[in-house]
């Protein structure tokens, strides 16, 4: 089933869009099946799950951290992940920079935007993103490469469109600034129920879980 789902999604996606398989709660065997079907990037929400999967799969795919990263988990994260999509505070950025410096690597990162200004969600408010990214210039071991947003969850995917539009506007305005120490490429928006609309609004990276792996044991789209 997973292989068929992966092939179906990949056939639908434009060539410029990267599929990140959202693997929360999935087994290494399930993840490996997705990789064998053509997935090149795996998204993980939790360090412990990522460690278990990475130990069995290794570099057969690129690893993206797509959950809320606690600072006390950064030491492990910088050894596992090829990109951290959820940088949302100066303290987290500083910790990533420090840990990367110790192992001699530079971490590609995306800035998480709280496009819906939801108090229960992490992310930088839209109006603060530009100043936030300018502040990251002091960190030599971070490479900002774009934006990521979750957006509010709606039963009707169309309702997510304005939040994707707003994030795309911010992305474009930052691209025009050509800020030092950035490599502006990626706009990560859209999940299983919204990725098609996200792509219409400019996403070139989508995080899909349920459509690839099937429903989880609990009811939550991803």
N, C-alpha and C. Protein backbone atom coordinates (compact mmCIF):
# COMPACT_ATOMS: atom_id res chain seq x y z
N UNK A 1 0.82 -1.20 0.00
CA UNK A 1 0.00 0.00 0.00
C UNK A 1 0.86 1.26 0.00
N UNK A 2 1.90 1.26 0.84
CA UNK A 2 2.74 2.45 0.95
C UNK A 2 3.41 2.75 -0.38
N UNK A 3 3.93 1.74 -1.03
CA UNK A 3 4.60 1.97 -2.31
C UNK A 3 3.64 2.55 -3.34
N UNK A 4 2.44 2.02 -3.38
CA UNK A 4 1.45 2.54 -4.33
C UNK A 4 1.10 4.00 -4.01
N UNK A 5 0.95 4.30 -2.73
CA UNK A 5 0.61 5.67 -2.34
C UNK A 5 1.73 6.65 -2.69
N UNK A 6 2.95 6.23 -2.44
CA UNK A 6 4.10 7.09 -2.76
C UNK A 6 4.16 7.37 -4.25
N UNK A 7 4.03 6.34 -5.04
CA UNK A 7 4.11 6.52 -6.50
C UNK A 7 2.99 7.42 -7.00
N UNK A 8 1.81 7.27 -6.42
CA UNK A 8 0.68 8.11 -6.84
C UNK A 8 0.94 9.58 -6.53
N UNK A 9 1.45 9.86 -5.30
CA UNK A 9 1.74 11.24 -4.92
C UNK A 9 2.87 11.81 -5.77
N UNK A 10 3.92 11.05 -5.95
CA UNK A 10 5.05 11.54 -6.74
C UNK A 10 4.65 11.84 -8.18
N UNK A 11 3.77 11.04 -8.71
CA UNK A 11 3.29 11.30 -10.08
C UNK A 11 2.50 12.60 -10.16
N UNK A 12 1.85 12.97 -9.06
CA UNK A 12 1.02 14.18 -9.04
C UNK A 12 1.85 15.45 -8.84
N UNK A 13 2.97 15.34 -8.13
CA UNK A 13 3.71 16.52 -7.74
C UNK A 13 4.49 17.12 -8.91
N UNK A 14 4.51 18.44 -9.03
CA UNK A 14 5.38 19.08 -10.03
C UNK A 14 6.84 18.73 -9.76
N UNK A 15 7.65 18.82 -10.79
CA UNK A 15 9.06 18.43 -10.67
C UNK A 15 9.82 19.25 -9.64
N UNK A 16 9.38 20.48 -9.42
CA UNK A 16 10.13 21.35 -8.49
C UNK A 16 9.72 21.19 -7.04
N UNK A 17 8.80 20.28 -6.74
CA UNK A 17 8.29 20.11 -5.38
C UNK A 17 8.90 18.87 -4.73
N UNK A 18 9.48 19.07 -3.55
CA UNK A 18 10.07 17.98 -2.77
C UNK A 18 9.03 17.38 -1.84
N UNK A 19 8.92 16.07 -1.87
CA UNK A 19 8.04 15.35 -0.96
C UNK A 19 8.82 14.96 0.28
N UNK A 20 8.36 15.45 1.42
CA UNK A 20 8.90 15.02 2.71
C UNK A 20 7.88 14.09 3.34
N UNK A 21 8.26 12.84 3.53
CA UNK A 21 7.35 11.85 4.12
C UNK A 21 7.31 12.05 5.63
N UNK A 22 6.17 12.50 6.15
CA UNK A 22 6.02 12.76 7.58
C UNK A 22 5.83 11.43 8.30
N UNK A 23 6.86 11.02 9.04
CA UNK A 23 6.94 9.65 9.53
C UNK A 23 6.64 9.49 11.01
N UNK A 24 5.94 10.45 11.60
CA UNK A 24 5.61 10.36 13.02
C UNK A 24 4.85 9.07 13.32
N UNK A 25 5.32 8.31 14.26
CA UNK A 25 4.77 7.03 14.75
C UNK A 25 4.99 5.87 13.79
N UNK A 26 5.67 6.10 12.68
CA UNK A 26 5.85 5.02 11.71
C UNK A 26 7.09 4.19 12.04
N UNK A 27 7.05 2.92 11.68
CA UNK A 27 8.17 2.03 11.96
C UNK A 27 9.27 2.23 10.91
N UNK A 28 10.50 1.83 11.25
CA UNK A 28 11.57 1.89 10.25
C UNK A 28 11.24 1.10 8.99
N UNK A 29 10.53 0.01 9.16
CA UNK A 29 10.16 -0.80 7.99
C UNK A 29 9.21 -0.05 7.07
N UNK A 30 8.25 0.66 7.65
CA UNK A 30 7.34 1.46 6.84
C UNK A 30 8.08 2.59 6.13
N UNK A 31 8.98 3.23 6.85
CA UNK A 31 9.76 4.32 6.26
C UNK A 31 10.62 3.79 5.12
N UNK A 32 11.23 2.64 5.33
CA UNK A 32 12.08 2.06 4.29
C UNK A 32 11.27 1.72 3.04
N UNK A 33 10.06 1.26 3.24
CA UNK A 33 9.21 0.97 2.09
C UNK A 33 8.92 2.24 1.28
N UNK A 34 8.71 3.34 1.97
CA UNK A 34 8.48 4.61 1.29
C UNK A 34 9.72 5.05 0.53
N UNK A 35 10.89 4.86 1.12
CA UNK A 35 12.14 5.22 0.45
C UNK A 35 12.34 4.38 -0.80
N UNK A 36 12.08 3.11 -0.69
CA UNK A 36 12.24 2.22 -1.84
C UNK A 36 11.29 2.57 -2.97
N UNK A 37 10.17 3.23 -2.62
CA UNK A 37 9.20 3.64 -3.64
C UNK A 37 9.54 4.99 -4.26
N UNK A 38 10.55 5.67 -3.72
CA UNK A 38 10.97 6.92 -4.34
C UNK A 38 11.05 8.13 -3.44
N UNK A 39 10.68 8.01 -2.17
CA UNK A 39 10.80 9.13 -1.23
C UNK A 39 12.27 9.40 -0.96
N UNK A 40 12.65 10.66 -1.02
CA UNK A 40 14.06 11.02 -0.79
C UNK A 40 14.27 11.81 0.49
N UNK A 41 13.19 12.23 1.14
CA UNK A 41 13.30 13.01 2.38
C UNK A 41 12.29 12.51 3.40
N UNK A 42 12.76 12.30 4.61
CA UNK A 42 11.93 11.80 5.71
C UNK A 42 11.80 12.90 6.75
N UNK A 43 10.57 13.19 7.17
CA UNK A 43 10.33 14.18 8.21
C UNK A 43 9.99 13.51 9.53
N UNK A 44 10.70 13.90 10.57
CA UNK A 44 10.45 13.33 11.91
C UNK A 44 10.10 14.44 12.89
N UNK A 45 9.19 14.13 13.82
CA UNK A 45 8.75 15.08 14.84
C UNK A 45 9.45 14.89 16.18
N UNK A 46 9.98 13.70 16.40
CA UNK A 46 10.53 13.38 17.72
C UNK A 46 11.92 12.79 17.57
N UNK A 47 12.82 13.22 18.45
CA UNK A 47 14.21 12.79 18.36
C UNK A 47 14.34 11.29 18.60
N UNK A 48 13.63 10.76 19.59
CA UNK A 48 13.77 9.34 19.90
C UNK A 48 13.33 8.47 18.73
N UNK A 49 12.22 8.80 18.11
CA UNK A 49 11.78 8.04 16.94
C UNK A 49 12.78 8.17 15.80
N UNK A 50 13.30 9.38 15.62
CA UNK A 50 14.27 9.60 14.54
C UNK A 50 15.53 8.79 14.76
N UNK A 51 16.00 8.72 16.00
CA UNK A 51 17.20 7.93 16.30
C UNK A 51 17.01 6.47 15.91
N UNK A 52 15.86 5.93 16.28
CA UNK A 52 15.59 4.52 15.99
C UNK A 52 15.54 4.26 14.49
N UNK A 53 14.86 5.13 13.76
CA UNK A 53 14.76 4.94 12.32
C UNK A 53 16.09 5.19 11.63
N UNK A 54 16.77 6.24 12.04
CA UNK A 54 18.05 6.59 11.40
C UNK A 54 19.08 5.49 11.61
N UNK A 55 19.05 4.84 12.75
CA UNK A 55 20.04 3.79 13.02
C UNK A 55 19.89 2.61 12.07
N UNK A 56 18.69 2.42 11.55
CA UNK A 56 18.44 1.30 10.63
C UNK A 56 18.49 1.71 9.17
N UNK A 57 18.23 2.98 8.90
CA UNK A 57 18.11 3.44 7.51
C UNK A 57 19.31 4.28 7.08
N UNK A 58 19.83 5.07 7.97
CA UNK A 58 21.01 5.88 7.67
C UNK A 58 20.78 6.89 6.56
N UNK A 59 21.74 6.99 5.68
CA UNK A 59 21.74 8.03 4.65
C UNK A 59 21.01 7.63 3.37
N UNK A 60 20.15 6.65 3.45
CA UNK A 60 19.37 6.28 2.27
C UNK A 60 18.34 7.35 1.92
N UNK A 61 18.12 8.27 2.84
CA UNK A 61 17.24 9.43 2.59
C UNK A 61 17.80 10.61 3.36
N UNK A 62 17.31 11.79 3.01
CA UNK A 62 17.64 12.98 3.79
C UNK A 62 16.64 13.09 4.94
N UNK A 63 17.11 13.60 6.08
CA UNK A 63 16.30 13.65 7.28
C UNK A 63 15.98 15.09 7.64
N UNK A 64 14.68 15.38 7.76
CA UNK A 64 14.20 16.72 8.12
C UNK A 64 13.52 16.66 9.48
N UNK A 65 13.88 17.59 10.36
CA UNK A 65 13.14 17.70 11.61
C UNK A 65 11.99 18.65 11.40
N UNK A 66 10.75 18.19 11.67
CA UNK A 66 9.56 18.98 11.36
C UNK A 66 8.67 19.22 12.57
N UNK A 67 9.13 18.84 13.76
CA UNK A 67 8.37 19.07 14.99
C UNK A 67 8.97 20.21 15.79
N UNK A 68 8.45 20.38 17.00
CA UNK A 68 9.00 21.39 17.89
C UNK A 68 10.28 20.84 18.51
N UNK A 69 11.39 21.52 18.28
CA UNK A 69 12.69 21.05 18.75
C UNK A 69 13.03 21.72 20.09
N UNK A 70 13.13 20.90 21.12
CA UNK A 70 13.55 21.40 22.43
C UNK A 70 15.07 21.59 22.43
N UNK A 71 15.52 22.61 23.13
CA UNK A 71 16.95 22.91 23.10
C UNK A 71 17.80 21.78 23.68
N UNK A 72 17.24 21.04 24.64
CA UNK A 72 18.03 19.94 25.22
C UNK A 72 18.12 18.73 24.29
N UNK A 73 17.45 18.79 23.14
CA UNK A 73 17.53 17.71 22.15
C UNK A 73 18.41 18.08 20.95
N UNK A 74 18.89 19.31 20.94
CA UNK A 74 19.64 19.78 19.77
C UNK A 74 20.94 19.00 19.58
N UNK A 75 21.61 18.65 20.66
CA UNK A 75 22.87 17.92 20.57
C UNK A 75 22.72 16.65 19.73
N UNK A 76 21.62 15.94 19.93
CA UNK A 76 21.37 14.75 19.14
C UNK A 76 20.89 15.10 17.73
N UNK A 77 20.06 16.13 17.65
CA UNK A 77 19.46 16.47 16.36
C UNK A 77 20.50 16.82 15.31
N UNK A 78 21.55 17.52 15.69
CA UNK A 78 22.52 17.97 14.69
C UNK A 78 23.34 16.81 14.12
N UNK A 79 23.30 15.67 14.79
CA UNK A 79 23.98 14.48 14.26
C UNK A 79 23.08 13.70 13.30
N UNK A 80 21.77 13.84 13.45
CA UNK A 80 20.83 13.03 12.66
C UNK A 80 20.35 13.77 11.42
N UNK A 81 20.01 15.03 11.56
CA UNK A 81 19.20 15.70 10.53
C UNK A 81 20.03 16.49 9.52
N UNK A 82 19.50 16.49 8.30
CA UNK A 82 20.09 17.26 7.21
C UNK A 82 19.47 18.64 7.11
N UNK A 83 18.31 18.83 7.71
CA UNK A 83 17.64 20.13 7.75
C UNK A 83 16.72 20.18 8.97
N UNK A 84 16.68 21.32 9.62
CA UNK A 84 15.73 21.58 10.70
C UNK A 84 14.75 22.62 10.19
N UNK A 85 13.47 22.23 10.06
CA UNK A 85 12.47 23.10 9.43
C UNK A 85 11.75 24.01 10.41
N UNK A 86 12.07 23.93 11.70
CA UNK A 86 11.20 24.57 12.69
C UNK A 86 11.98 25.50 13.63
N UNK A 87 12.90 26.26 13.10
CA UNK A 87 13.60 27.24 13.93
C UNK A 87 12.65 28.41 14.19
N UNK A 88 12.45 28.73 15.48
CA UNK A 88 11.44 29.74 15.81
C UNK A 88 11.83 30.65 16.96
N UNK A 89 13.07 30.55 17.43
CA UNK A 89 13.49 31.43 18.52
C UNK A 89 14.99 31.64 18.47
N UNK A 90 15.46 32.80 18.93
CA UNK A 90 16.91 33.04 18.98
C UNK A 90 17.64 32.03 19.86
N UNK A 91 17.03 31.61 20.95
CA UNK A 91 17.69 30.65 21.85
C UNK A 91 17.88 29.30 21.17
N UNK A 92 16.89 28.86 20.41
CA UNK A 92 17.05 27.61 19.68
C UNK A 92 18.11 27.76 18.60
N UNK A 93 18.09 28.87 17.88
CA UNK A 93 19.10 29.11 16.85
C UNK A 93 20.50 29.11 17.44
N UNK A 94 20.66 29.74 18.59
CA UNK A 94 21.97 29.80 19.23
C UNK A 94 22.46 28.41 19.64
N UNK A 95 21.54 27.58 20.11
CA UNK A 95 21.92 26.23 20.52
C UNK A 95 22.32 25.38 19.31
N UNK A 96 21.58 25.50 18.23
CA UNK A 96 21.94 24.76 17.01
C UNK A 96 23.31 25.21 16.52
N UNK A 97 23.53 26.52 16.52
CA UNK A 97 24.81 27.06 16.08
C UNK A 97 25.95 26.52 16.94
N UNK A 98 25.77 26.52 18.25
CA UNK A 98 26.81 26.04 19.16
C UNK A 98 27.12 24.56 18.94
N UNK A 99 26.07 23.76 18.83
CA UNK A 99 26.27 22.32 18.68
C UNK A 99 26.87 21.98 17.31
N UNK A 100 26.48 22.71 16.28
CA UNK A 100 27.06 22.48 14.96
C UNK A 100 28.53 22.87 14.92
N UNK A 101 28.87 23.95 15.60
CA UNK A 101 30.27 24.38 15.64
C UNK A 101 31.15 23.30 16.26
N UNK A 102 30.62 22.62 17.24
CA UNK A 102 31.42 21.59 17.94
C UNK A 102 31.70 20.38 17.07
N UNK A 103 30.86 20.14 16.08
CA UNK A 103 31.09 18.98 15.21
C UNK A 103 31.49 19.39 13.80
N UNK A 104 31.69 20.69 13.60
CA UNK A 104 32.22 21.16 12.33
C UNK A 104 31.27 21.06 11.16
N UNK A 105 30.01 21.37 11.39
CA UNK A 105 29.06 21.34 10.28
C UNK A 105 28.18 22.59 10.29
N UNK A 106 27.55 22.86 9.16
CA UNK A 106 26.59 23.95 9.04
C UNK A 106 25.22 23.34 8.79
N UNK A 107 24.21 23.81 9.51
CA UNK A 107 22.88 23.22 9.43
C UNK A 107 21.95 24.08 8.57
N UNK A 108 21.43 23.53 7.48
CA UNK A 108 20.36 24.21 6.75
C UNK A 108 19.11 24.28 7.61
N UNK A 109 18.47 25.43 7.66
CA UNK A 109 17.28 25.58 8.49
C UNK A 109 16.20 26.34 7.73
N UNK A 110 14.96 26.09 8.12
CA UNK A 110 13.83 26.89 7.70
C UNK A 110 13.27 27.58 8.93
N UNK A 111 12.69 28.74 8.73
CA UNK A 111 12.08 29.49 9.83
C UNK A 111 10.59 29.13 9.87
N UNK A 112 10.14 28.68 11.03
CA UNK A 112 8.72 28.34 11.17
C UNK A 112 7.91 29.61 11.41
N UNK A 113 6.91 29.82 10.56
CA UNK A 113 6.05 30.98 10.65
C UNK A 113 4.70 30.55 11.22
N UNK A 114 4.27 31.23 12.25
CA UNK A 114 2.93 30.99 12.81
C UNK A 114 1.95 31.84 12.00
N UNK A 115 1.63 31.35 10.82
CA UNK A 115 0.87 32.15 9.87
C UNK A 115 -0.54 32.48 10.35
N UNK A 116 -1.08 31.65 11.24
CA UNK A 116 -2.41 31.90 11.78
C UNK A 116 -2.40 32.63 13.09
N UNK A 117 -1.20 32.99 13.56
CA UNK A 117 -1.05 33.66 14.86
C UNK A 117 -1.79 32.90 15.96
N UNK A 118 -1.68 31.60 15.95
CA UNK A 118 -2.38 30.76 16.92
C UNK A 118 -1.56 30.66 18.21
N UNK A 119 -2.13 31.03 19.34
CA UNK A 119 -1.36 31.05 20.59
C UNK A 119 -0.87 29.69 21.04
N UNK A 120 -1.54 28.63 20.61
CA UNK A 120 -1.14 27.29 21.04
C UNK A 120 -0.06 26.69 20.16
N UNK A 121 0.32 27.38 19.10
CA UNK A 121 1.31 26.85 18.17
C UNK A 121 2.61 27.63 18.25
N UNK A 122 3.68 26.94 17.89
CA UNK A 122 4.99 27.56 17.84
C UNK A 122 5.14 28.33 16.52
N UNK A 123 6.20 29.09 16.42
CA UNK A 123 6.47 29.80 15.18
C UNK A 123 6.59 31.30 15.40
N UNK A 124 7.24 31.94 14.44
CA UNK A 124 7.45 33.38 14.49
C UNK A 124 6.22 34.06 13.89
N UNK A 125 5.68 35.10 14.54
CA UNK A 125 4.55 35.82 13.96
C UNK A 125 4.95 36.42 12.60
N UNK A 126 4.02 36.47 11.66
CA UNK A 126 4.37 36.96 10.31
C UNK A 126 5.07 38.30 10.31
N UNK A 127 4.61 39.22 11.16
CA UNK A 127 5.18 40.56 11.13
C UNK A 127 6.61 40.62 11.70
N UNK A 128 7.05 39.56 12.35
CA UNK A 128 8.37 39.55 12.98
C UNK A 128 9.41 38.75 12.20
N UNK A 129 9.00 38.10 11.11
CA UNK A 129 9.89 37.16 10.43
C UNK A 129 11.13 37.86 9.88
N UNK A 130 10.96 39.00 9.25
CA UNK A 130 12.11 39.66 8.63
C UNK A 130 13.18 40.02 9.67
N UNK A 131 12.77 40.62 10.76
CA UNK A 131 13.73 40.98 11.81
C UNK A 131 14.36 39.73 12.42
N UNK A 132 13.56 38.68 12.57
CA UNK A 132 14.08 37.44 13.14
C UNK A 132 15.20 36.88 12.27
N UNK A 133 14.98 36.84 10.96
CA UNK A 133 16.00 36.28 10.07
C UNK A 133 17.24 37.16 10.02
N UNK A 134 17.06 38.46 10.03
CA UNK A 134 18.22 39.35 10.09
C UNK A 134 19.05 39.07 11.34
N UNK A 135 18.38 38.75 12.43
CA UNK A 135 19.09 38.45 13.67
C UNK A 135 19.88 37.15 13.63
N UNK A 136 19.54 36.26 12.70
CA UNK A 136 20.26 34.99 12.59
C UNK A 136 21.61 35.15 11.90
N UNK A 137 21.88 36.31 11.34
CA UNK A 137 23.12 36.49 10.58
C UNK A 137 24.37 36.33 11.46
N UNK A 138 24.21 36.46 12.76
CA UNK A 138 25.38 36.32 13.65
C UNK A 138 25.76 34.86 13.89
N UNK A 139 24.92 33.95 13.47
CA UNK A 139 25.21 32.53 13.69
C UNK A 139 25.88 31.94 12.45
N UNK A 140 27.15 31.63 12.56
CA UNK A 140 27.93 31.18 11.41
C UNK A 140 27.58 29.77 10.98
N UNK A 141 27.00 28.98 11.88
CA UNK A 141 26.74 27.57 11.57
C UNK A 141 25.30 27.29 11.19
N UNK A 142 24.51 28.34 10.98
CA UNK A 142 23.15 28.20 10.47
C UNK A 142 23.09 28.73 9.05
N UNK A 143 22.36 28.03 8.20
CA UNK A 143 22.14 28.49 6.84
C UNK A 143 20.62 28.58 6.60
N UNK A 144 20.02 29.76 6.82
CA UNK A 144 18.59 29.92 6.54
C UNK A 144 18.30 29.72 5.04
N UNK A 145 17.34 28.84 4.76
CA UNK A 145 17.06 28.49 3.36
C UNK A 145 15.61 28.67 2.97
N UNK A 146 14.78 29.24 3.88
CA UNK A 146 13.39 29.45 3.51
C UNK A 146 12.49 29.43 4.72
N UNK A 147 11.21 29.24 4.44
CA UNK A 147 10.17 29.29 5.47
C UNK A 147 9.37 27.99 5.51
N UNK A 148 8.79 27.74 6.68
CA UNK A 148 7.89 26.61 6.87
C UNK A 148 6.68 27.12 7.64
N UNK A 149 5.49 26.63 7.30
CA UNK A 149 4.32 26.93 8.11
C UNK A 149 3.42 25.71 8.19
N UNK A 150 2.73 25.62 9.33
CA UNK A 150 1.70 24.61 9.51
C UNK A 150 0.37 25.17 9.01
N UNK A 151 0.05 26.37 9.45
CA UNK A 151 -1.25 26.94 9.14
C UNK A 151 -2.32 26.32 10.02
N UNK A 152 -3.41 27.02 10.26
CA UNK A 152 -4.52 26.46 11.05
C UNK A 152 -5.10 25.24 10.36
N UNK A 153 -5.65 24.34 11.16
CA UNK A 153 -6.29 23.14 10.62
C UNK A 153 -7.78 23.41 10.42
N UNK A 154 -8.27 23.07 9.24
CA UNK A 154 -9.68 23.24 8.93
C UNK A 154 -10.21 21.95 8.32
N UNK A 155 -11.49 21.71 8.48
CA UNK A 155 -12.10 20.59 7.78
C UNK A 155 -12.10 20.82 6.28
N UNK A 156 -12.29 22.07 5.88
CA UNK A 156 -12.26 22.43 4.47
C UNK A 156 -10.86 22.95 4.12
N UNK A 157 -10.07 22.21 3.32
CA UNK A 157 -8.71 22.64 3.01
C UNK A 157 -8.62 24.02 2.39
N UNK A 158 -9.65 24.43 1.67
CA UNK A 158 -9.63 25.72 1.00
C UNK A 158 -9.44 26.87 2.00
N UNK A 159 -9.87 26.67 3.23
CA UNK A 159 -9.74 27.72 4.23
C UNK A 159 -8.29 27.99 4.62
N UNK A 160 -7.41 27.06 4.29
CA UNK A 160 -5.98 27.25 4.59
C UNK A 160 -5.30 28.18 3.59
N UNK A 161 -5.93 28.43 2.46
CA UNK A 161 -5.29 29.17 1.38
C UNK A 161 -4.75 30.55 1.81
N UNK A 162 -5.53 31.37 2.53
CA UNK A 162 -5.01 32.70 2.88
C UNK A 162 -3.72 32.64 3.70
N UNK A 163 -3.56 31.62 4.52
CA UNK A 163 -2.38 31.50 5.36
C UNK A 163 -1.16 31.10 4.52
N UNK A 164 -1.39 30.27 3.52
CA UNK A 164 -0.31 29.94 2.58
C UNK A 164 0.05 31.15 1.73
N UNK A 165 -0.94 31.89 1.32
CA UNK A 165 -0.68 33.09 0.53
C UNK A 165 0.18 34.08 1.31
N UNK A 166 -0.18 34.29 2.58
CA UNK A 166 0.57 35.23 3.41
C UNK A 166 2.01 34.77 3.59
N UNK A 167 2.22 33.49 3.81
CA UNK A 167 3.57 32.97 3.98
C UNK A 167 4.37 33.11 2.70
N UNK A 168 3.74 32.89 1.57
CA UNK A 168 4.42 33.06 0.28
C UNK A 168 4.81 34.54 0.08
N UNK A 169 3.96 35.45 0.49
CA UNK A 169 4.30 36.87 0.36
C UNK A 169 5.54 37.21 1.18
N UNK A 170 5.62 36.67 2.39
CA UNK A 170 6.79 36.90 3.23
C UNK A 170 8.02 36.29 2.60
N UNK A 171 7.87 35.08 2.10
CA UNK A 171 8.98 34.38 1.43
C UNK A 171 9.52 35.22 0.28
N UNK A 172 8.63 35.72 -0.57
CA UNK A 172 9.06 36.51 -1.73
C UNK A 172 9.73 37.80 -1.32
N UNK A 173 9.21 38.46 -0.29
CA UNK A 173 9.80 39.72 0.15
C UNK A 173 11.21 39.49 0.70
N UNK A 174 11.42 38.38 1.38
CA UNK A 174 12.74 38.07 1.90
C UNK A 174 13.70 37.67 0.79
N UNK A 175 13.19 36.98 -0.21
CA UNK A 175 14.04 36.62 -1.34
C UNK A 175 14.58 37.86 -2.02
N UNK A 176 13.77 38.90 -2.11
CA UNK A 176 14.21 40.13 -2.77
C UNK A 176 15.30 40.86 -1.97
N UNK A 177 15.32 40.65 -0.67
CA UNK A 177 16.33 41.32 0.16
C UNK A 177 17.73 40.74 -0.03
N UNK A 178 17.81 39.47 -0.41
CA UNK A 178 19.09 38.81 -0.63
C UNK A 178 19.99 38.98 0.59
N UNK A 179 19.48 38.56 1.72
CA UNK A 179 20.20 38.72 2.97
C UNK A 179 21.47 37.87 3.00
N UNK A 180 22.49 38.42 3.65
CA UNK A 180 23.76 37.71 3.76
C UNK A 180 23.61 36.43 4.55
N UNK A 181 24.35 35.41 4.14
CA UNK A 181 24.38 34.11 4.81
C UNK A 181 23.07 33.34 4.69
N UNK A 182 22.26 33.67 3.68
CA UNK A 182 21.06 32.90 3.40
C UNK A 182 21.16 32.29 2.01
N UNK A 183 20.43 31.22 1.80
CA UNK A 183 20.34 30.57 0.49
C UNK A 183 18.86 30.28 0.28
N UNK A 184 18.14 31.29 -0.21
CA UNK A 184 16.68 31.29 -0.16
C UNK A 184 16.09 30.38 -1.23
N UNK A 185 15.59 29.20 -0.83
CA UNK A 185 15.13 28.22 -1.80
C UNK A 185 13.78 27.59 -1.49
N UNK A 186 13.50 27.33 -0.21
CA UNK A 186 12.43 26.40 0.12
C UNK A 186 11.27 27.07 0.85
N UNK A 187 10.07 26.71 0.40
CA UNK A 187 8.84 27.13 1.05
C UNK A 187 8.07 25.85 1.38
N UNK A 188 8.13 25.46 2.65
CA UNK A 188 7.55 24.20 3.10
C UNK A 188 6.16 24.45 3.67
N UNK A 189 5.15 24.07 2.91
CA UNK A 189 3.75 24.29 3.32
C UNK A 189 2.91 23.12 2.82
N UNK A 190 1.90 22.78 3.60
CA UNK A 190 0.94 21.79 3.15
C UNK A 190 1.21 20.40 3.68
N UNK A 191 0.11 19.75 4.10
CA UNK A 191 0.18 18.38 4.57
C UNK A 191 -0.84 17.55 3.77
N UNK A 192 -1.22 16.41 4.32
CA UNK A 192 -2.01 15.46 3.52
C UNK A 192 -3.29 16.07 2.96
N UNK A 193 -3.96 16.90 3.75
CA UNK A 193 -5.25 17.43 3.30
C UNK A 193 -5.14 18.81 2.64
N UNK A 194 -3.94 19.40 2.62
CA UNK A 194 -3.81 20.76 2.09
C UNK A 194 -2.69 20.93 1.08
N UNK A 195 -1.95 19.87 0.78
CA UNK A 195 -0.74 20.06 -0.02
C UNK A 195 -1.04 20.57 -1.43
N UNK A 196 -2.17 20.18 -1.99
CA UNK A 196 -2.48 20.64 -3.34
C UNK A 196 -2.69 22.15 -3.39
N UNK A 197 -3.40 22.67 -2.40
CA UNK A 197 -3.60 24.12 -2.31
C UNK A 197 -2.29 24.82 -2.01
N UNK A 198 -1.48 24.22 -1.13
CA UNK A 198 -0.18 24.81 -0.81
C UNK A 198 0.69 24.95 -2.06
N UNK A 199 0.68 23.94 -2.90
CA UNK A 199 1.47 24.00 -4.13
C UNK A 199 0.95 25.10 -5.05
N UNK A 200 -0.36 25.22 -5.13
CA UNK A 200 -0.94 26.31 -5.94
C UNK A 200 -0.47 27.67 -5.45
N UNK A 201 -0.20 27.77 -4.15
CA UNK A 201 0.21 29.04 -3.56
C UNK A 201 1.73 29.17 -3.42
N UNK A 202 2.47 28.27 -4.05
CA UNK A 202 3.91 28.46 -4.14
C UNK A 202 4.78 27.51 -3.37
N UNK A 203 4.21 26.56 -2.63
CA UNK A 203 5.04 25.62 -1.89
C UNK A 203 5.90 24.79 -2.84
N UNK A 204 7.15 24.61 -2.47
CA UNK A 204 7.99 23.67 -3.23
C UNK A 204 8.52 22.55 -2.33
N UNK A 205 7.93 22.45 -1.15
CA UNK A 205 8.20 21.33 -0.24
C UNK A 205 6.91 21.05 0.51
N UNK A 206 6.46 19.79 0.51
CA UNK A 206 5.22 19.42 1.19
C UNK A 206 5.51 18.25 2.13
N UNK A 207 4.83 18.25 3.26
CA UNK A 207 5.04 17.26 4.31
C UNK A 207 3.80 16.37 4.39
N UNK A 208 3.90 15.17 3.89
CA UNK A 208 2.73 14.30 3.77
C UNK A 208 2.96 13.01 4.54
N UNK A 209 2.00 12.68 5.40
CA UNK A 209 2.09 11.45 6.17
C UNK A 209 0.95 10.50 5.89
N UNK A 210 -0.26 10.91 6.25
CA UNK A 210 -1.42 10.02 6.14
C UNK A 210 -1.64 9.53 4.72
N UNK A 211 -1.49 10.37 3.74
CA UNK A 211 -1.71 9.97 2.34
C UNK A 211 -0.69 8.93 1.88
N UNK A 212 0.44 8.88 2.55
CA UNK A 212 1.46 7.89 2.19
C UNK A 212 1.33 6.61 3.01
N UNK A 213 1.19 6.78 4.31
CA UNK A 213 1.28 5.64 5.22
C UNK A 213 -0.07 5.11 5.70
N UNK A 214 -1.16 5.85 5.45
CA UNK A 214 -2.45 5.49 6.00
C UNK A 214 -2.67 6.15 7.34
N UNK A 215 -3.85 6.00 7.88
CA UNK A 215 -4.21 6.61 9.15
C UNK A 215 -3.33 6.07 10.28
N UNK A 216 -2.99 6.95 11.20
CA UNK A 216 -2.30 6.52 12.41
C UNK A 216 -3.31 5.89 13.36
N UNK A 217 -2.79 5.42 14.50
CA UNK A 217 -3.67 4.79 15.49
C UNK A 217 -4.62 5.79 16.13
N UNK A 218 -4.27 7.07 16.07
CA UNK A 218 -5.15 8.12 16.59
C UNK A 218 -5.54 9.00 15.42
N UNK A 219 -6.61 9.71 15.57
CA UNK A 219 -7.15 10.51 14.47
C UNK A 219 -6.44 11.85 14.38
N UNK A 220 -5.47 11.93 13.49
CA UNK A 220 -4.79 13.21 13.27
C UNK A 220 -4.18 13.19 11.88
N UNK A 221 -4.52 14.19 11.11
CA UNK A 221 -3.94 14.30 9.78
C UNK A 221 -2.50 14.76 9.89
N UNK A 222 -1.69 14.43 8.85
CA UNK A 222 -0.32 14.91 8.83
C UNK A 222 0.26 14.76 7.45
